[in-house]
Amino acid sequence: MNDLEDTITVDLKELGQGCEMTFTQLIHLAQEVNWTESEIETARKEMHDGSEVGWNYMFIGLKELVETGKVSYKG
């Protein structure tokens, strides 16, 4: 984790009976001055993978909330 704020963009596209939402996250990576390209890529991948897990939990919870009115995951 770092103190930088990521940028999240939500695009809405109107469809016949609803809409499509596209979420884009720009991850700002805090880097040490002497990092190699390999270390930067490793850190980017770790941030990406961690964010992907978080987004998946959020959308699973949102789906469950819409379908049942409850969210069972409390983590």
Foldseek 3Di string as FASTA:
>chain_A
DDPDDKDKDWDWADDDPGIDIDIDIGDDDDDDPPDDPVRVVVRVVVVVVVVVVVVVLVVVQVVCCVVPVDGPDDD
